[in-house]
Amino acid sequence: MLDQAQALDIGREALLTALIVAAPILGTGIVVGLAISLFQTITQLQDQTFSIVPKIVAMLGAAVFFIPWIAGRLLEYSQLMFAGG
């Protein structure tokens, strides 16, 4: 049976792992979004499709690139949880 402190530690570790795993993909989306916004500002081209599609493609590419790292982090977390500590 888990006491309150252990449950809070597990929840905190789960949230931290989720943030760490999502950071490279979200960071890629932010960088690409800023680059596209700068390009749109310079060229006065304000098309929504031009803004969204490259971000989606870049984030998918980042997800594919970071899959081994993400899987490793999730495997470490799973092993930690199943080991009981």
PDB file of N, CA and C in Angstrom:
ATOM      1  N   MET A   1       0.834  -1.185   0.000  1.00  0.00           N
ATOM      2  CA  MET A   1       0.000   0.000   0.000  1.00  0.00           C
ATOM      3  C   MET A   1       0.880   1.250   0.000  1.00  0.00           C
ATOM      4  N   LEU A   2       0.520   2.192  -0.832  1.00  0.00           N
ATOM      5  CA  LEU A   2       1.284   3.429  -0.928  1.00  0.00           C
ATOM      6  C   LEU A   2       0.812   4.442   0.094  1.00  0.00           C
ATOM      7  N   ASP A   3       1.753   5.116   0.722  1.00  0.00           N
ATOM      8  CA  ASP A   3       1.341   6.231   1.559  1.00  0.00           C
ATOM      9  C   ASP A   3       1.302   7.498   0.712  1.00  0.00           C
ATOM     10  N   GLN A   4       0.896   8.580   1.298  1.00  0.00           N
ATOM     11  CA  GLN A   4       0.687   9.810   0.538  1.00  0.00           C
ATOM     12  C   GLN A   4       1.989  10.337  -0.061  1.00  0.00           C
ATOM     13  N   ALA A   5       3.073  10.270   0.648  1.00  0.00           N
ATOM     14  CA  ALA A   5       4.351  10.780   0.149  1.00  0.00           C
ATOM     15  C   ALA A   5       4.825   9.981  -1.062  1.00  0.00           C
ATOM     16  N   GLN A   6       4.672   8.661  -1.015  1.00  0.00           N
ATOM     17  CA  GLN A   6       5.072   7.835  -2.151  1.00  0.00           C
ATOM     18  C   GLN A   6       4.210   8.122  -3.378  1.00  0.00           C
ATOM     19  N   ALA A   7       2.914   8.291  -3.171  1.00  0.00           N
ATOM     20  CA  ALA A   7       2.014   8.597  -4.281  1.00  0.00           C
ATOM     21  C   ALA A   7       2.368   9.944  -4.907  1.00  0.00           C
ATOM     22  N   LEU A   8       2.703  10.938  -4.097  1.00  0.00           N
ATOM     23  CA  LEU A   8       3.104  12.240  -4.619  1.00  0.00           C
ATOM     24  C   LEU A   8       4.418  12.149  -5.384  1.00  0.00           C
ATOM     25  N   ASP A   9       5.348  11.347  -4.880  1.00  0.00           N
ATOM     26  CA  ASP A   9       6.617  11.159  -5.588  1.00  0.00           C
ATOM     27  C   ASP A   9       6.405  10.500  -6.945  1.00  0.00           C
ATOM     28  N   ILE A  10       5.549   9.499  -7.002  1.00  0.00           N
ATOM     29  CA  ILE A  10       5.260   8.817  -8.266  1.00  0.00           C
ATOM     30  C   ILE A  10       4.600   9.784  -9.249  1.00  0.00           C
ATOM     31  N   GLY A  11       3.648  10.574  -8.775  1.00  0.00           N
ATOM     32  CA  GLY A  11       2.981  11.556  -9.635  1.00  0.00           C
ATOM     33  C   GLY A  11       3.934  12.619 -10.133  1.00  0.00           C
ATOM     34  N   ARG A  12       4.793  13.102  -9.246  1.00  0.00           N
ATOM     35  CA  ARG A  12       5.782  14.114  -9.635  1.00  0.00           C
ATOM     36  C   ARG A  12       6.747  13.554 -10.674  1.00  0.00           C
ATOM     37  N   GLU A  13       7.209  12.336 -10.463  1.00  0.00           N
ATOM     38  CA  GLU A  13       8.130  11.699 -11.406  1.00  0.00           C
ATOM     39  C   GLU A  13       7.453  11.467 -12.767  1.00  0.00           C
ATOM     40  N   ALA A  14       6.175  11.103 -12.756  1.00  0.00           N
ATOM     41  CA  ALA A  14       5.443  10.896 -14.010  1.00  0.00           C
ATOM     42  C   ALA A  14       5.307  12.206 -14.788  1.00  0.00           C
ATOM     43  N   LEU A  15       4.961  13.284 -14.103  1.00  0.00           N
ATOM     44  CA  LEU A  15       4.834  14.584 -14.772  1.00  0.00           C
ATOM     45  C   LEU A  15       6.177  15.076 -15.293  1.00  0.00           C
ATOM     46  N   LEU A  16       7.223  14.900 -14.509  1.00  0.00           N
ATOM     47  CA  LEU A  16       8.549  15.329 -14.941  1.00  0.00           C
ATOM     48  C   LEU A  16       9.014  14.532 -16.158  1.00  0.00           C
ATOM     49  N   THR A  17       8.765  13.229 -16.141  1.00  0.00           N
ATOM     50  CA  THR A  17       9.130  12.396 -17.294  1.00  0.00           C
ATOM     51  C   THR A  17       8.342  12.815 -18.530  1.00  0.00           C
ATOM     52  N   ALA A  18       7.060  13.100 -18.380  1.00  0.00           N
ATOM     53  CA  ALA A  18       6.242  13.540 -19.517  1.00  0.00           C
ATOM     54  C   ALA A  18       6.762  14.859 -20.089  1.00  0.00           C
ATOM     55  N   LEU A  19       7.151  15.783 -19.230  1.00  0.00           N
ATOM     56  CA  LEU A  19       7.686  17.063 -19.701  1.00  0.00           C
ATOM     57  C   LEU A  19       9.021  16.885 -20.415  1.00  0.00           C
ATOM     58  N   ILE A  20       9.878  16.044 -19.877  1.00  0.00           N
ATOM     59  CA  ILE A  20      11.188  15.816 -20.488  1.00  0.00           C
ATOM     60  C   ILE A  20      11.035  15.141 -21.847  1.00  0.00           C
ATOM     61  N   VAL A  21      10.121  14.177 -21.937  1.00  0.00           N
ATOM     62  CA  VAL A  21       9.915  13.447 -23.188  1.00  0.00           C
ATOM     63  C   VAL A  21       9.311  14.361 -24.257  1.00  0.00           C
ATOM     64  N   ALA A  22       8.424  15.258 -23.855  1.00  0.00           N
ATOM     65  CA  ALA A  22       7.757  16.131 -24.826  1.00  0.00           C
ATOM     66  C   ALA A  22       8.596  17.345 -25.223  1.00  0.00           C
ATOM     67  N   ALA A  23       9.601  17.689 -24.440  1.00  0.00           N
ATOM     68  CA  ALA A  23      10.363  18.917 -24.657  1.00  0.00           C
ATOM     69  C   ALA A  23      11.022  19.015 -26.035  1.00  0.00           C
ATOM     70  N   PRO A  24      11.701  17.989 -26.540  1.00  0.00           N
ATOM     71  CA  PRO A  24      12.347  18.166 -27.859  1.00  0.00           C
ATOM     72  C   PRO A  24      11.352  18.415 -28.996  1.00  0.00           C
ATOM     73  N   ILE A  25      10.218  17.747 -28.941  1.00  0.00           N
ATOM     74  CA  ILE A  25       9.219  17.912 -30.002  1.00  0.00           C
ATOM     75  C   ILE A  25       8.566  19.288 -29.907  1.00  0.00           C
ATOM     76  N   LEU A  26       8.212  19.691 -28.696  1.00  0.00           N
ATOM     77  CA  LEU A  26       7.610  21.014 -28.526  1.00  0.00           C
ATOM     78  C   LEU A  26       8.614  22.119 -28.834  1.00  0.00           C
ATOM     79  N   GLY A  27       9.866  21.920 -28.452  1.00  0.00           N
ATOM     80  CA  GLY A  27      10.903  22.904 -28.758  1.00  0.00           C
ATOM     81  C   GLY A  27      11.088  23.082 -30.256  1.00  0.00           C
ATOM     82  N   THR A  28      11.042  21.977 -30.986  1.00  0.00           N
ATOM     83  CA  THR A  28      11.137  22.054 -32.442  1.00  0.00           C
ATOM     84  C   THR A  28       9.974  22.862 -33.006  1.00  0.00           C
ATOM     85  N   GLY A  29       8.778  22.618 -32.498  1.00  0.00           N
ATOM     86  CA  GLY A  29       7.611  23.371 -32.957  1.00  0.00           C
ATOM     87  C   GLY A  29       7.733  24.855 -32.676  1.00  0.00           C
ATOM     88  N   ILE A  30       8.293  25.205 -31.525  1.00  0.00           N
ATOM     89  CA  ILE A  30       8.466  26.614 -31.182  1.00  0.00           C
ATOM     90  C   ILE A  30       9.480  27.281 -32.100  1.00  0.00           C
ATOM     91  N   VAL A  31      10.613  26.617 -32.316  1.00  0.00           N
ATOM     92  CA  VAL A  31      11.660  27.200 -33.167  1.00  0.00           C
ATOM     93  C   VAL A  31      11.155  27.380 -34.599  1.00  0.00           C
ATOM     94  N   VAL A  32      10.501  26.354 -35.136  1.00  0.00           N
ATOM     95  CA  VAL A  32       9.974  26.449 -36.503  1.00  0.00           C
ATOM     96  C   VAL A  32       8.883  27.508 -36.572  1.00  0.00           C
ATOM     97  N   GLY A  33       8.033  27.578 -35.568  1.00  0.00           N
ATOM     98  CA  GLY A  33       6.981  28.592 -35.536  1.00  0.00           C
ATOM     99  C   GLY A  33       7.543  30.004 -35.517  1.00  0.00           C
ATOM    100  N   LEU A  34       8.601  30.217 -34.728  1.00  0.00           N
ATOM    101  CA  LEU A  34       9.229  31.541 -34.695  1.00  0.00           C
ATOM    102  C   LEU A  34       9.872  31.891 -36.041  1.00  0.00           C
ATOM    103  N   ALA A  35      10.519  30.906 -36.657  1.00  0.00           N
ATOM    104  CA  ALA A  35      11.139  31.158 -37.963  1.00  0.00           C
ATOM    105  C   ALA A  35      10.079  31.493 -39.014  1.00  0.00           C
ATOM    106  N   ILE A  36       8.977  30.767 -38.990  1.00  0.00           N
ATOM    107  CA  ILE A  36       7.904  31.027 -39.960  1.00  0.00           C
ATOM    108  C   ILE A  36       7.261  32.385 -39.693  1.00  0.00           C
ATOM    109  N   SER A  37       7.051  32.731 -38.431  1.00  0.00           N
ATOM    110  CA  SER A  37       6.481  34.039 -38.100  1.00  0.00           C
ATOM    111  C   SER A  37       7.391  35.164 -38.558  1.00  0.00           C
ATOM    112  N   LEU A  38       8.693  34.984 -38.376  1.00  0.00           N
ATOM    113  CA  LEU A  38       9.637  35.993 -38.844  1.00  0.00           C
ATOM    114  C   LEU A  38       9.586  36.124 -40.363  1.00  0.00           C
ATOM    115  N   PHE A  39       9.560  34.990 -41.054  1.00  0.00           N
ATOM    116  CA  PHE A  39       9.466  35.003 -42.516  1.00  0.00           C
ATOM    117  C   PHE A  39       8.168  35.672 -42.981  1.00  0.00           C
ATOM    118  N   GLN A  40       7.057  35.358 -42.314  1.00  0.00           N
ATOM    119  CA  GLN A  40       5.773  35.955 -42.692  1.00  0.00           C
ATOM    120  C   GLN A  40       5.763  37.454 -42.433  1.00  0.00           C
ATOM    121  N   THR A  41       6.408  37.872 -41.364  1.00  0.00           N
ATOM    122  CA  THR A  41       6.468  39.302 -41.068  1.00  0.00           C
ATOM    123  C   THR A  41       7.299  40.045 -42.112  1.00  0.00           C
ATOM    124  N   ILE A  42       8.413  39.441 -42.498  1.00  0.00           N
ATOM    125  CA  ILE A  42       9.283  40.084 -43.482  1.00  0.00           C
ATOM    126  C   ILE A  42       8.621  40.147 -44.850  1.00  0.00           C
ATOM    127  N   THR A  43       7.941  39.083 -45.266  1.00  0.00           N
ATOM    128  CA  THR A  43       7.363  39.017 -46.608  1.00  0.00           C
ATOM    129  C   THR A  43       5.915  39.501 -46.681  1.00  0.00           C
ATOM    130  N   GLN A  44       5.312  39.812 -45.557  1.00  0.00           N
ATOM    131  CA  GLN A  44       3.907  40.223 -45.495  1.00  0.00           C
ATOM    132  C   GLN A  44       2.968  39.134 -46.022  1.00  0.00           C
ATOM    133  N   LEU A  45       3.374  37.884 -45.919  1.00  0.00           N
ATOM    134  CA  LEU A  45       2.567  36.747 -46.360  1.00  0.00           C
ATOM    135  C   LEU A  45       1.858  36.181 -45.130  1.00  0.00           C
ATOM    136  N   GLN A  46       0.545  36.311 -45.047  1.00  0.00           N
ATOM    137  CA  GLN A  46      -0.195  35.916 -43.855  1.00  0.00           C
ATOM    138  C   GLN A  46      -1.172  34.786 -44.163  1.00  0.00           C
ATOM    139  N   ASP A  47      -0.662  33.655 -44.583  1.00  0.00           N
ATOM    140  CA  ASP A  47      -1.498  32.497 -44.892  1.00  0.00           C
ATOM    141  C   ASP A  47      -1.418  31.508 -43.730  1.00  0.00           C
ATOM    142  N   GLN A  48      -2.560  31.074 -43.200  1.00  0.00           N
ATOM    143  CA  GLN A  48      -2.590  30.157 -42.062  1.00  0.00           C
ATOM    144  C   GLN A  48      -2.014  28.793 -42.402  1.00  0.00           C
ATOM    145  N   THR A  49      -2.263  28.332 -43.621  1.00  0.00           N
ATOM    146  CA  THR A  49      -1.749  27.032 -44.037  1.00  0.00           C
ATOM    147  C   THR A  49      -0.231  27.039 -44.047  1.00  0.00           C
ATOM    148  N   PHE A  50       0.343  28.133 -44.498  1.00  0.00           N
ATOM    149  CA  PHE A  50       1.795  28.259 -44.540  1.00  0.00           C
ATOM    150  C   PHE A  50       2.391  28.226 -43.138  1.00  0.00           C
ATOM    151  N   SER A  51       1.620  28.599 -42.152  1.00  0.00           N
ATOM    152  CA  SER A  51       2.102  28.612 -40.779  1.00  0.00           C
ATOM    153  C   SER A  51       2.003  27.237 -40.124  1.00  0.00           C
ATOM    154  N   ILE A  52       0.935  26.506 -40.377  1.00  0.00           N
ATOM    155  CA  ILE A  52       0.670  25.270 -39.643  1.00  0.00           C
ATOM    156  C   ILE A  52       1.375  24.059 -40.249  1.00  0.00           C
ATOM    157  N   VAL A  53       1.345  23.913 -41.546  1.00  0.00           N
ATOM    158  CA  VAL A  53       1.881  22.707 -42.195  1.00  0.00           C
ATOM    159  C   VAL A  53       3.371  22.501 -41.917  1.00  0.00           C
ATOM    160  N   PRO A  54       4.228  23.510 -42.050  1.00  0.00           N
ATOM    161  CA  PRO A  54       5.647  23.273 -41.749  1.00  0.00           C
ATOM    162  C   PRO A  54       5.897  22.883 -40.283  1.00  0.00           C
ATOM    163  N   LYS A  55       5.109  23.455 -39.364  1.00  0.00           N
ATOM    164  CA  LYS A  55       5.263  23.080 -37.955  1.00  0.00           C
ATOM    165  C   LYS A  55       4.915  21.617 -37.736  1.00  0.00           C
ATOM    166  N   ILE A  56       3.833  21.163 -38.361  1.00  0.00           N
ATOM    167  CA  ILE A  56       3.432  19.760 -38.223  1.00  0.00           C
ATOM    168  C   ILE A  56       4.504  18.845 -38.796  1.00  0.00           C
ATOM    169  N   VAL A  57       5.014  19.185 -39.966  1.00  0.00           N
ATOM    170  CA  VAL A  57       6.049  18.362 -40.601  1.00  0.00           C
ATOM    171  C   VAL A  57       7.311  18.340 -39.742  1.00  0.00           C
ATOM    172  N   ALA A  58       7.725  19.491 -39.222  1.00  0.00           N
ATOM    173  CA  ALA A  58       8.926  19.555 -38.391  1.00  0.00           C
ATOM    174  C   ALA A  58       8.752  18.765 -37.097  1.00  0.00           C
ATOM    175  N   MET A  59       7.584  18.864 -36.490  1.00  0.00           N
ATOM    176  CA  MET A  59       7.344  18.136 -35.238  1.00  0.00           C
ATOM    177  C   MET A  59       7.280  16.627 -35.476  1.00  0.00           C
ATOM    178  N   LEU A  60       6.710  16.209 -36.592  1.00  0.00           N
ATOM    179  CA  LEU A  60       6.720  14.788 -36.929  1.00  0.00           C
ATOM    180  C   LEU A  60       8.145  14.300 -37.180  1.00  0.00           C
ATOM    181  N   GLY A  61       8.931  15.103 -37.873  1.00  0.00           N
ATOM    182  CA  GLY A  61      10.326  14.753 -38.098  1.00  0.00           C
ATOM    183  C   GLY A  61      11.111  14.651 -36.797  1.00  0.00           C
ATOM    184  N   ALA A  62      10.863  15.596 -35.893  1.00  0.00           N
ATOM    185  CA  ALA A  62      11.529  15.550 -34.586  1.00  0.00           C
ATOM    186  C   ALA A  62      11.094  14.324 -33.797  1.00  0.00           C
ATOM    187  N   ALA A  63       9.820  13.971 -33.887  1.00  0.00           N
ATOM    188  CA  ALA A  63       9.332  12.782 -33.174  1.00  0.00           C
ATOM    189  C   ALA A  63      10.015  11.524 -33.692  1.00  0.00           C
ATOM    190  N   VAL A  64      10.150  11.422 -35.004  1.00  0.00           N
ATOM    191  CA  VAL A  64      10.822  10.255 -35.591  1.00  0.00           C
ATOM    192  C   VAL A  64      12.299  10.239 -35.188  1.00  0.00           C
ATOM    193  N   PHE A  65      12.942  11.405 -35.211  1.00  0.00           N
ATOM    194  CA  PHE A  65      14.352  11.491 -34.860  1.00  0.00           C
ATOM    195  C   PHE A  65      14.606  11.134 -33.397  1.00  0.00           C
ATOM    196  N   PHE A  66      13.711  11.570 -32.508  1.00  0.00           N
ATOM    197  CA  PHE A  66      13.915  11.374 -31.071  1.00  0.00           C
ATOM    198  C   PHE A  66      13.276  10.098 -30.521  1.00  0.00           C
ATOM    199  N   ILE A  67      12.684   9.255 -31.360  1.00  0.00           N
ATOM    200  CA  ILE A  67      12.036   8.033 -30.870  1.00  0.00           C
ATOM    201  C   ILE A  67      12.971   7.163 -30.033  1.00  0.00           C
ATOM    202  N   PRO A  68      14.209   6.912 -30.442  1.00  0.00           N
ATOM    203  CA  PRO A  68      15.071   6.072 -29.595  1.00  0.00           C
ATOM    204  C   PRO A  68      15.322   6.675 -28.210  1.00  0.00           C
ATOM    205  N   TRP A  69      15.537   7.980 -28.164  1.00  0.00           N
ATOM    206  CA  TRP A  69      15.765   8.644 -26.888  1.00  0.00           C
ATOM    207  C   TRP A  69      14.512   8.621 -26.014  1.00  0.00           C
ATOM    208  N   ILE A  70      13.366   8.905 -26.625  1.00  0.00           N
ATOM    209  CA  ILE A  70      12.096   8.894 -25.889  1.00  0.00           C
ATOM    210  C   ILE A  70      11.810   7.495 -25.349  1.00  0.00           C
ATOM    211  N   ALA A  71      12.012   6.485 -26.180  1.00  0.00           N
ATOM    212  CA  ALA A  71      11.781   5.106 -25.733  1.00  0.00           C
ATOM    213  C   ALA A  71      12.698   4.750 -24.569  1.00  0.00           C
ATOM    214  N   GLY A  72      13.938   5.185 -24.624  1.00  0.00           N
ATOM    215  CA  GLY A  72      14.868   4.925 -23.528  1.00  0.00           C
ATOM    216  C   GLY A  72      14.422   5.567 -22.229  1.00  0.00           C
ATOM    217  N   ARG A  73      13.969   6.822 -22.306  1.00  0.00           N
ATOM    218  CA  ARG A  73      13.499   7.514 -21.096  1.00  0.00           C
ATOM    219  C   ARG A  73      12.259   6.824 -20.511  1.00  0.00           C
ATOM    220  N   LEU A  74      11.326   6.444 -21.389  1.00  0.00           N
ATOM    221  CA  LEU A  74      10.116   5.780 -20.915  1.00  0.00           C
ATOM    222  C   LEU A  74      10.432   4.397 -20.350  1.00  0.00           C
ATOM    223  N   LEU A  75      11.396   3.709 -20.936  1.00  0.00           N
ATOM    224  CA  LEU A  75      11.811   2.407 -20.416  1.00  0.00           C
ATOM    225  C   LEU A  75      12.446   2.553 -19.037  1.00  0.00           C
ATOM    226  N   GLU A  76      13.291   3.559 -18.853  1.00  0.00           N
ATOM    227  CA  GLU A  76      13.888   3.820 -17.539  1.00  0.00           C
ATOM    228  C   GLU A  76      12.799   4.090 -16.495  1.00  0.00           C
ATOM    229  N   TYR A  77      11.822   4.922 -16.869  1.00  0.00           N
ATOM    230  CA  TYR A  77      10.745   5.246 -15.938  1.00  0.00           C
ATOM    231  C   TYR A  77       9.928   4.001 -15.602  1.00  0.00           C
ATOM    232  N   SER A  78       9.621   3.185 -16.599  1.00  0.00           N
ATOM    233  CA  SER A  78       8.844   1.972 -16.364  1.00  0.00           C
ATOM    234  C   SER A  78       9.598   0.991 -15.457  1.00  0.00           C
ATOM    235  N   GLN A  79      10.892   0.855 -15.699  1.00  0.00           N
ATOM    236  CA  GLN A  79      11.686  -0.036 -14.862  1.00  0.00           C
ATOM    237  C   GLN A  79      11.725   0.474 -13.435  1.00  0.00           C
ATOM    238  N   LEU A  80      11.836   1.778 -13.260  1.00  0.00           N
ATOM    239  CA  LEU A  80      11.830   2.362 -11.932  1.00  0.00           C
ATOM    240  C   LEU A  80      10.506   2.114 -11.219  1.00  0.00           C
ATOM    241  N   MET A  81       9.407   2.268 -11.939  1.00  0.00           N
ATOM    242  CA  MET A  81       8.095   2.056 -11.332  1.00  0.00           C
ATOM    243  C   MET A  81       7.860   0.589 -10.976  1.00  0.00           C
ATOM    244  N   PHE A  82       8.242  -0.318 -11.865  1.00  0.00           N
ATOM    245  CA  PHE A  82       8.028  -1.740 -11.588  1.00  0.00           C
ATOM    246  C   PHE A  82       8.991  -2.282 -10.537  1.00  0.00           C
ATOM    247  N   ALA A  83      10.136  -1.618 -10.372  1.00  0.00           N
ATOM    248  CA  ALA A  83      11.088  -2.058  -9.354  1.00  0.00           C
ATOM    249  C   ALA A  83      10.639  -1.622  -7.971  1.00  0.00           C
ATOM    250  N   GLY A  84       9.714  -0.689  -7.934  1.00  0.00           N
ATOM    251  CA  GLY A  84       9.166  -0.268  -6.649  1.00  0.00           C
ATOM    252  C   GLY A  84       9.901   0.897  -6.026  1.00  0.00           C
ATOM    253  N   GLY A  85      10.612   1.633  -6.813  1.00  0.00           N
ATOM    254  CA  GLY A  85      11.256   2.717  -6.131  1.00  0.00           C
ATOM    255  C   GLY A  85      11.847   3.729  -6.976  1.00  0.00           C
TER     256      GLY A  85
END
